[in-house]
Amino acid sequence: MQAYCFKCRAKRDIKNPTSVTLKNGRPATQGTCPICGTKVFRIGKG
């Protein structure tokens, strides 16, 4: 699964993805960028 990294300004594969649920009940995936280590976030089921 990929997410947009704001630091690299490109789509990157998510490293160490974890599933989270937002306050409104929507699923999301959270992890880190493999290149720079910044947190990346993607809303939606993966």
PDB file of N, CA and C in Angstrom:
ATOM      1  N   MET A   1       0.839  -1.178   0.000  1.00  0.00           N
ATOM      2  CA  MET A   1       0.000   0.000   0.000  1.00  0.00           C
ATOM      3  C   MET A   1       0.886   1.243   0.000  1.00  0.00           C
ATOM      4  N   GLN A   2       0.435   2.258  -0.685  1.00  0.00           N
ATOM      5  CA  GLN A   2       1.214   3.485  -0.784  1.00  0.00           C
ATOM      6  C   GLN A   2       0.470   4.655  -0.159  1.00  0.00           C
ATOM      7  N   ALA A   3       1.230   5.632   0.297  1.00  0.00           N
ATOM      8  CA  ALA A   3       0.691   6.873   0.835  1.00  0.00           C
ATOM      9  C   ALA A   3       1.592   8.018   0.384  1.00  0.00           C
ATOM     10  N   TYR A   4       1.057   9.226   0.404  1.00  0.00           N
ATOM     11  CA  TYR A   4       1.824  10.388  -0.034  1.00  0.00           C
ATOM     12  C   TYR A   4       2.697  10.897   1.113  1.00  0.00           C
ATOM     13  N   CYS A   5       3.992  11.028   0.860  1.00  0.00           N
ATOM     14  CA  CYS A   5       4.922  11.575   1.844  1.00  0.00           C
ATOM     15  C   CYS A   5       5.093  13.065   1.544  1.00  0.00           C
ATOM     16  N   PHE A   6       4.764  13.912   2.501  1.00  0.00           N
ATOM     17  CA  PHE A   6       4.839  15.354   2.286  1.00  0.00           C
ATOM     18  C   PHE A   6       6.283  15.859   2.275  1.00  0.00           C
ATOM     19  N   LYS A   7       7.169  15.162   2.947  1.00  0.00           N
ATOM     20  CA  LYS A   7       8.573  15.582   2.965  1.00  0.00           C
ATOM     21  C   LYS A   7       9.255  15.252   1.637  1.00  0.00           C
ATOM     22  N   CYS A   8       9.024  14.034   1.128  1.00  0.00           N
ATOM     23  CA  CYS A   8       9.609  13.624  -0.160  1.00  0.00           C
ATOM     24  C   CYS A   8       8.821  14.176  -1.348  1.00  0.00           C
ATOM     25  N   ARG A   9       7.573  14.555  -1.093  1.00  0.00           N
ATOM     26  CA  ARG A   9       6.659  15.009  -2.140  1.00  0.00           C
ATOM     27  C   ARG A   9       6.462  13.954  -3.223  1.00  0.00           C
ATOM     28  N   ALA A  10       6.256  12.714  -2.781  1.00  0.00           N
ATOM     29  CA  ALA A  10       6.035  11.601  -3.706  1.00  0.00           C
ATOM     30  C   ALA A  10       5.262  10.505  -2.986  1.00  0.00           C
ATOM     31  N   LYS A  11       4.658   9.605  -3.783  1.00  0.00           N
ATOM     32  CA  LYS A  11       3.993   8.447  -3.191  1.00  0.00           C
ATOM     33  C   LYS A  11       5.036   7.405  -2.852  1.00  0.00           C
ATOM     34  N   ARG A  12       4.952   6.878  -1.636  1.00  0.00           N
ATOM     35  CA  ARG A  12       5.909   5.880  -1.156  1.00  0.00           C
ATOM     36  C   ARG A  12       5.155   4.700  -0.559  1.00  0.00           C
ATOM     37  N   ASP A  13       5.808   3.527  -0.559  1.00  0.00           N
ATOM     38  CA  ASP A  13       5.242   2.375   0.133  1.00  0.00           C
ATOM     39  C   ASP A  13       5.283   2.638   1.632  1.00  0.00           C
ATOM     40  N   ILE A  14       4.269   2.161   2.333  1.00  0.00           N
ATOM     41  CA  ILE A  14       4.206   2.375   3.782  1.00  0.00           C
ATOM     42  C   ILE A  14       5.043   1.320   4.482  1.00  0.00           C
ATOM     43  N   LYS A  15       5.977   1.773   5.324  1.00  0.00           N
ATOM     44  CA  LYS A  15       6.820   0.873   6.113  1.00  0.00           C
ATOM     45  C   LYS A  15       6.158   0.703   7.480  1.00  0.00           C
ATOM     46  N   ASN A  16       6.086  -0.518   7.986  1.00  0.00           N
ATOM     47  CA  ASN A  16       5.440  -0.846   9.262  1.00  0.00           C
ATOM     48  C   ASN A  16       4.002  -0.331   9.324  1.00  0.00           C
ATOM     49  N   PRO A  17       3.142  -0.751   8.373  1.00  0.00           N
ATOM     50  CA  PRO A  17       1.761  -0.252   8.381  1.00  0.00           C
ATOM     51  C   PRO A  17       0.953  -0.802   9.554  1.00  0.00           C
ATOM     52  N   THR A  18       0.143   0.056  10.147  1.00  0.00           N
ATOM     53  CA  THR A  18      -0.776  -0.357  11.197  1.00  0.00           C
ATOM     54  C   THR A  18      -2.158   0.193  10.888  1.00  0.00           C
ATOM     55  N   SER A  19      -3.175  -0.615  11.132  1.00  0.00           N
ATOM     56  CA  SER A  19      -4.552  -0.186  10.896  1.00  0.00           C
ATOM     57  C   SER A  19      -5.052   0.593  12.101  1.00  0.00           C
ATOM     58  N   VAL A  20      -5.664   1.724  11.838  1.00  0.00           N
ATOM     59  CA  VAL A  20      -6.243   2.551  12.890  1.00  0.00           C
ATOM     60  C   VAL A  20      -7.668   2.922  12.478  1.00  0.00           C
ATOM     61  N   THR A  21      -8.461   3.342  13.448  1.00  0.00           N
ATOM     62  CA  THR A  21      -9.823   3.792  13.181  1.00  0.00           C
ATOM     63  C   THR A  21      -9.921   5.247  13.601  1.00  0.00           C
ATOM     64  N   LEU A  22     -10.451   6.076  12.720  1.00  0.00           N
ATOM     65  CA  LEU A  22     -10.611   7.492  13.025  1.00  0.00           C
ATOM     66  C   LEU A  22     -11.787   7.699  13.973  1.00  0.00           C
ATOM     67  N   LYS A  23     -11.914   8.909  14.506  1.00  0.00           N
ATOM     68  CA  LYS A  23     -12.999   9.219  15.442  1.00  0.00           C
ATOM     69  C   LYS A  23     -14.377   8.975  14.841  1.00  0.00           C
ATOM     70  N   ASN A  24     -14.509   9.241  13.540  1.00  0.00           N
ATOM     71  CA  ASN A  24     -15.804   9.072  12.892  1.00  0.00           C
ATOM     72  C   ASN A  24     -16.044   7.631  12.430  1.00  0.00           C
ATOM     73  N   GLY A  25     -15.131   6.708  12.755  1.00  0.00           N
ATOM     74  CA  GLY A  25     -15.325   5.300  12.441  1.00  0.00           C
ATOM     75  C   GLY A  25     -14.717   4.831  11.134  1.00  0.00           C
ATOM     76  N   ARG A  26     -14.120   5.725  10.376  1.00  0.00           N
ATOM     77  CA  ARG A  26     -13.506   5.326   9.103  1.00  0.00           C
ATOM     78  C   ARG A  26     -12.168   4.634   9.334  1.00  0.00           C
ATOM     79  N   PRO A  27     -11.875   3.610   8.539  1.00  0.00           N
ATOM     80  CA  PRO A  27     -10.578   2.941   8.679  1.00  0.00           C
ATOM     81  C   PRO A  27      -9.467   3.749   8.029  1.00  0.00           C
ATOM     82  N   ALA A  28      -8.254   3.583   8.541  1.00  0.00           N
ATOM     83  CA  ALA A  28      -7.092   4.277   7.983  1.00  0.00           C
ATOM     84  C   ALA A  28      -5.850   3.431   8.233  1.00  0.00           C
ATOM     85  N   THR A  29      -4.786   3.745   7.510  1.00  0.00           N
ATOM     86  CA  THR A  29      -3.508   3.057   7.675  1.00  0.00           C
ATOM     87  C   THR A  29      -2.444   4.097   7.991  1.00  0.00           C
ATOM     88  N   GLN A  30      -1.607   3.788   8.979  1.00  0.00           N
ATOM     89  CA  GLN A  30      -0.562   4.706   9.422  1.00  0.00           C
ATOM     90  C   GLN A  30       0.758   3.966   9.421  1.00  0.00           C
ATOM     91  N   GLY A  31       1.826   4.659   9.057  1.00  0.00           N
ATOM     92  CA  GLY A  31       3.149   4.046   9.050  1.00  0.00           C
ATOM     93  C   GLY A  31       4.217   5.096   8.850  1.00  0.00           C
ATOM     94  N   THR A  32       5.365   4.683   8.327  1.00  0.00           N
ATOM     95  CA  THR A  32       6.464   5.612   8.084  1.00  0.00           C
ATOM     96  C   THR A  32       6.947   5.500   6.646  1.00  0.00           C
ATOM     97  N   CYS A  33       7.586   6.549   6.175  1.00  0.00           N
ATOM     98  CA  CYS A  33       8.184   6.576   4.846  1.00  0.00           C
ATOM     99  C   CYS A  33       9.513   5.811   4.899  1.00  0.00           C
ATOM    100  N   PRO A  34       9.753   4.873   3.973  1.00  0.00           N
ATOM    101  CA  PRO A  34      11.000   4.113   4.017  1.00  0.00           C
ATOM    102  C   PRO A  34      12.243   4.939   3.654  1.00  0.00           C
ATOM    103  N   ILE A  35      12.061   6.066   2.984  1.00  0.00           N
ATOM    104  CA  ILE A  35      13.187   6.892   2.550  1.00  0.00           C
ATOM    105  C   ILE A  35      13.625   7.875   3.640  1.00  0.00           C
ATOM    106  N   CYS A  36      12.670   8.691   4.139  1.00  0.00           N
ATOM    107  CA  CYS A  36      13.037   9.754   5.081  1.00  0.00           C
ATOM    108  C   CYS A  36      12.591   9.490   6.517  1.00  0.00           C
ATOM    109  N   GLY A  37      11.707   8.529   6.748  1.00  0.00           N
ATOM    110  CA  GLY A  37      11.281   8.202   8.094  1.00  0.00           C
ATOM    111  C   GLY A  37      10.132   9.034   8.629  1.00  0.00           C
ATOM    112  N   THR A  38       9.537   9.893   7.796  1.00  0.00           N
ATOM    113  CA  THR A  38       8.416  10.723   8.206  1.00  0.00           C
ATOM    114  C   THR A  38       7.160   9.864   8.331  1.00  0.00           C
ATOM    115  N   LYS A  39       6.258  10.235   9.245  1.00  0.00           N
ATOM    116  CA  LYS A  39       4.988   9.524   9.370  1.00  0.00           C
ATOM    117  C   LYS A  39       4.147   9.773   8.117  1.00  0.00           C
ATOM    118  N   VAL A  40       3.545   8.699   7.599  1.00  0.00           N
ATOM    119  CA  VAL A  40       2.615   8.817   6.472  1.00  0.00           C
ATOM    120  C   VAL A  40       1.281   8.223   6.897  1.00  0.00           C
ATOM    121  N   PHE A  41       0.222   8.680   6.273  1.00  0.00           N
ATOM    122  CA  PHE A  41      -1.136   8.345   6.686  1.00  0.00           C
ATOM    123  C   PHE A  41      -1.999   8.204   5.457  1.00  0.00           C
ATOM    124  N   ARG A  42      -2.837   7.174   5.438  1.00  0.00           N
ATOM    125  CA  ARG A  42      -3.751   7.005   4.316  1.00  0.00           C
ATOM    126  C   ARG A  42      -5.118   6.595   4.849  1.00  0.00           C
ATOM    127  N   ILE A  43      -6.142   7.363   4.449  1.00  0.00           N
ATOM    128  CA  ILE A  43      -7.507   7.058   4.859  1.00  0.00           C
ATOM    129  C   ILE A  43      -8.083   6.035   3.892  1.00  0.00           C
ATOM    130  N   GLY A  44      -8.778   5.062   4.417  1.00  0.00           N
ATOM    131  CA  GLY A  44      -9.389   4.013   3.608  1.00  0.00           C
ATOM    132  C   GLY A  44      -8.805   2.668   3.932  1.00  0.00           C
ATOM    133  N   LYS A  45      -9.568   1.657   3.603  1.00  0.00           N
ATOM    134  CA  LYS A  45      -9.130   0.300   3.911  1.00  0.00           C
ATOM    135  C   LYS A  45      -8.097  -0.166   2.899  1.00  0.00           C
ATOM    136  N   GLY A  46      -7.106  -0.912   3.342  1.00  0.00           N
ATOM    137  CA  GLY A  46      -6.048  -1.327   2.463  1.00  0.00           C
ATOM    138  C   GLY A  46      -5.931  -2.728   2.256  1.00  0.00           C
TER     139      GLY A  46
END
